[in-house]
Amino acid sequence: MNKEREAPPARRNEAGTCPAAETPAPLRLAELVVGELAPVSLTVAPGEILCLSGPSGSGKSRLLRAIADLDAHGGEIWLGELCQSRVKGHCWRGWVMLVPADSQW
């Protein structure tokens, strides 16, 4: 089942800018659902290196695009104490970036 994420109102500080992100902070996926992929839960500690591998079309890029807030998804993604669904997209993408192998530009 693919649940589209409903974005709650973004939290903003008094200056109207992005909240401060804890640096460095663990990245945590909690029951992340993207397309037909099974729910994914994991934590990546600061400085930890994680490898995603699988055949073409298995969902590697869709998972990474969801983490970077570029594709709709279900579940929650956390960076330290900040939840992706509670901050504006441009703030999240300033902390979590996707650099694809083929930029398509």
C-alpha atoms as a PDB file:
ATOM      1  CA  MET A   1       0.000   0.000   0.000  1.00  0.00           C
ATOM      2  CA  ASN A   2       1.455   3.369  -0.985  1.00  0.00           C
ATOM      3  CA  LYS A   3       0.379   6.160   1.330  1.00  0.00           C
ATOM      4  CA  GLU A   4       1.098   9.656   0.111  1.00  0.00           C
ATOM      5  CA  ARG A   5       2.629  11.809   2.811  1.00  0.00           C
ATOM      6  CA  GLU A   6       0.448  14.668   3.995  1.00  0.00           C
ATOM      7  CA  ALA A   7       2.728  17.548   4.839  1.00  0.00           C
ATOM      8  CA  PRO A   8       1.759  19.271   8.091  1.00  0.00           C
ATOM      9  CA  PRO A   9       2.471  22.979   8.426  1.00  0.00           C
ATOM     10  CA  ALA A  10       6.204  23.618   8.487  1.00  0.00           C
ATOM     11  CA  ARG A  11       7.794  24.805  11.694  1.00  0.00           C
ATOM     12  CA  ARG A  12       9.554  28.113  11.381  1.00  0.00           C
ATOM     13  CA  ASN A  13      11.633  30.030  13.844  1.00  0.00           C
ATOM     14  CA  GLU A  14      10.885  33.673  14.678  1.00  0.00           C
ATOM     15  CA  ALA A  15      13.029  34.966  11.804  1.00  0.00           C
ATOM     16  CA  GLY A  16      11.046  32.846   9.316  1.00  0.00           C
ATOM     17  CA  THR A  17      14.092  30.840   8.269  1.00  0.00           C
ATOM     18  CA  CYS A  18      14.914  27.150   8.479  1.00  0.00           C
ATOM     19  CA  PRO A  19      15.316  25.667  11.965  1.00  0.00           C
ATOM     20  CA  ALA A  20      18.857  24.769  12.973  1.00  0.00           C
ATOM     21  CA  ALA A  21      19.874  21.193  12.182  1.00  0.00           C
ATOM     22  CA  GLU A  22      21.934  19.235  14.678  1.00  0.00           C
ATOM     23  CA  THR A  23      25.369  18.733  13.157  1.00  0.00           C
ATOM     24  CA  PRO A  24      26.277  15.937  12.709  1.00  0.00           C
ATOM     25  CA  ALA A  25      23.066  13.994  13.249  1.00  0.00           C
ATOM     26  CA  PRO A  26      21.901  10.449  12.563  1.00  0.00           C
ATOM     27  CA  LEU A  27      19.549   9.874   9.640  1.00  0.00           C
ATOM     28  CA  ARG A  28      16.651   7.607  10.630  1.00  0.00           C
ATOM     29  CA  LEU A  29      14.016   6.034   8.369  1.00  0.00           C
ATOM     30  CA  ALA A  30      10.893   4.782  10.159  1.00  0.00           C
ATOM     31  CA  GLU A  31       8.698   2.488   8.046  1.00  0.00           C
ATOM     32  CA  LEU A  32       9.519   4.482   4.881  1.00  0.00           C
ATOM     33  CA  VAL A  33       7.299   3.317   1.999  1.00  0.00           C
ATOM     34  CA  VAL A  34       8.082   4.331  -1.574  1.00  0.00           C
ATOM     35  CA  GLY A  35       6.016   2.913  -4.426  1.00  0.00           C
ATOM     36  CA  GLU A  36       5.912  -0.872  -4.293  1.00  0.00           C
ATOM     37  CA  LEU A  37       8.930  -1.222  -1.985  1.00  0.00           C
ATOM     38  CA  ALA A  38       8.504  -2.953   1.362  1.00  0.00           C
ATOM     39  CA  PRO A  39       8.703  -0.557   4.338  1.00  0.00           C
ATOM     40  CA  VAL A  40      12.293   0.394   5.177  1.00  0.00           C
ATOM     41  CA  SER A  41      13.515   1.227   8.679  1.00  0.00           C
ATOM     42  CA  LEU A  42      17.145   1.978   9.427  1.00  0.00           C
ATOM     43  CA  THR A  43      19.473   4.417  11.136  1.00  0.00           C
ATOM     44  CA  VAL A  44      22.662   5.776   9.590  1.00  0.00           C
ATOM     45  CA  ALA A  45      25.035   7.240  12.173  1.00  0.00           C
ATOM     46  CA  PRO A  46      27.082  10.365  11.418  1.00  0.00           C
ATOM     47  CA  GLY A  47      30.168   9.354   9.450  1.00  0.00           C
ATOM     48  CA  GLU A  48      28.765   5.902   8.673  1.00  0.00           C
ATOM     49  CA  ILE A  49      28.876   4.770   5.043  1.00  0.00           C
ATOM     50  CA  LEU A  50      25.967   2.766   3.670  1.00  0.00           C
ATOM     51  CA  CYS A  51      25.839   0.996   0.307  1.00  0.00           C
ATOM     52  CA  LEU A  52      22.586   0.388  -1.579  1.00  0.00           C
ATOM     53  CA  SER A  53      22.789  -2.271  -4.239  1.00  0.00           C
ATOM     54  CA  GLY A  54      20.326  -4.150  -6.370  1.00  0.00           C
ATOM     55  CA  PRO A  55      19.267  -4.758  -9.937  1.00  0.00           C
ATOM     56  CA  SER A  56      18.042  -2.003 -12.201  1.00  0.00           C
ATOM     57  CA  GLY A  57      14.496  -0.983 -11.272  1.00  0.00           C
ATOM     58  CA  SER A  58      14.628  -2.352  -7.722  1.00  0.00           C
ATOM     59  CA  GLY A  59      13.948   1.055  -6.120  1.00  0.00           C
ATOM     60  CA  LYS A  60      17.374   2.305  -5.047  1.00  0.00           C
ATOM     61  CA  SER A  61      16.967   5.726  -6.672  1.00  0.00           C
ATOM     62  CA  ARG A  62      13.334   6.100  -5.550  1.00  0.00           C
ATOM     63  CA  LEU A  63      14.389   5.427  -1.958  1.00  0.00           C
ATOM     64  CA  LEU A  64      17.166   8.016  -2.152  1.00  0.00           C
ATOM     65  CA  ARG A  65      14.837  10.535  -3.851  1.00  0.00           C
ATOM     66  CA  ALA A  66      12.302  10.087  -1.021  1.00  0.00           C
ATOM     67  CA  ILE A  67      15.002  10.658   1.600  1.00  0.00           C
ATOM     68  CA  ALA A  68      15.978  13.872  -0.222  1.00  0.00           C
ATOM     69  CA  ASP A  69      12.268  14.929  -0.292  1.00  0.00           C
ATOM     70  CA  LEU A  70      12.046  14.692  -4.074  1.00  0.00           C
ATOM     71  CA  ASP A  71       9.447  11.866  -4.264  1.00  0.00           C
ATOM     72  CA  ALA A  72       6.247  11.235  -2.308  1.00  0.00           C
ATOM     73  CA  HIS A  73       6.428   8.527   0.363  1.00  0.00           C
ATOM     74  CA  GLY A  74       4.850   7.137   3.501  1.00  0.00           C
ATOM     75  CA  GLY A  75       6.517   6.773   6.870  1.00  0.00           C
ATOM     76  CA  GLU A  76       8.858   9.221   8.542  1.00  0.00           C
ATOM     77  CA  ILE A  77      12.415  10.408   7.961  1.00  0.00           C
ATOM     78  CA  TRP A  78      14.380  12.043  10.754  1.00  0.00           C
ATOM     79  CA  LEU A  79      17.641  13.967  10.800  1.00  0.00           C
ATOM     80  CA  GLY A  80      18.532  14.085  14.469  1.00  0.00           C
ATOM     81  CA  GLU A  81      15.449  15.596  16.147  1.00  0.00           C
ATOM     82  CA  LEU A  82      14.060  17.123  12.922  1.00  0.00           C
ATOM     83  CA  CYS A  83      11.284  15.243  11.129  1.00  0.00           C
ATOM     84  CA  GLN A  84      11.157  15.735   7.354  1.00  0.00           C
ATOM     85  CA  SER A  85       7.373  16.130   7.328  1.00  0.00           C
ATOM     86  CA  ARG A  86       7.564  19.076   9.735  1.00  0.00           C
ATOM     87  CA  VAL A  87      10.022  21.306   7.890  1.00  0.00           C
ATOM     88  CA  LYS A  88       9.810  23.060   4.540  1.00  0.00           C
ATOM     89  CA  GLY A  89      11.225  21.145   1.589  1.00  0.00           C
ATOM     90  CA  HIS A  90      13.948  23.675   0.804  1.00  0.00           C
ATOM     91  CA  CYS A  91      15.178  23.488   4.406  1.00  0.00           C
ATOM     92  CA  TRP A  92      15.311  19.678   4.322  1.00  0.00           C
ATOM     93  CA  ARG A  93      17.100  19.659   0.965  1.00  0.00           C
ATOM     94  CA  GLY A  94      19.714  22.002   2.410  1.00  0.00           C
ATOM     95  CA  TRP A  95      20.610  19.310   4.962  1.00  0.00           C
ATOM     96  CA  VAL A  96      19.999  16.106   2.979  1.00  0.00           C
ATOM     97  CA  MET A  97      21.166  16.188  -0.629  1.00  0.00           C
ATOM     98  CA  LEU A  98      21.041  13.703  -3.480  1.00  0.00           C
ATOM     99  CA  VAL A  99      23.884  13.679  -5.991  1.00  0.00           C
ATOM    100  CA  PRO A 100      22.845  11.247  -8.740  1.00  0.00           C
ATOM    101  CA  ALA A 101      25.361   9.372 -10.874  1.00  0.00           C
ATOM    102  CA  ASP A 102      23.685  10.858 -13.960  1.00  0.00           C
ATOM    103  CA  SER A 103      22.487  14.401 -13.288  1.00  0.00           C
ATOM    104  CA  GLN A 104      20.258  14.424 -16.420  1.00  0.00           C
ATOM    105  CA  TRP A 105      21.065  18.110 -16.893  1.00  0.00           C
END
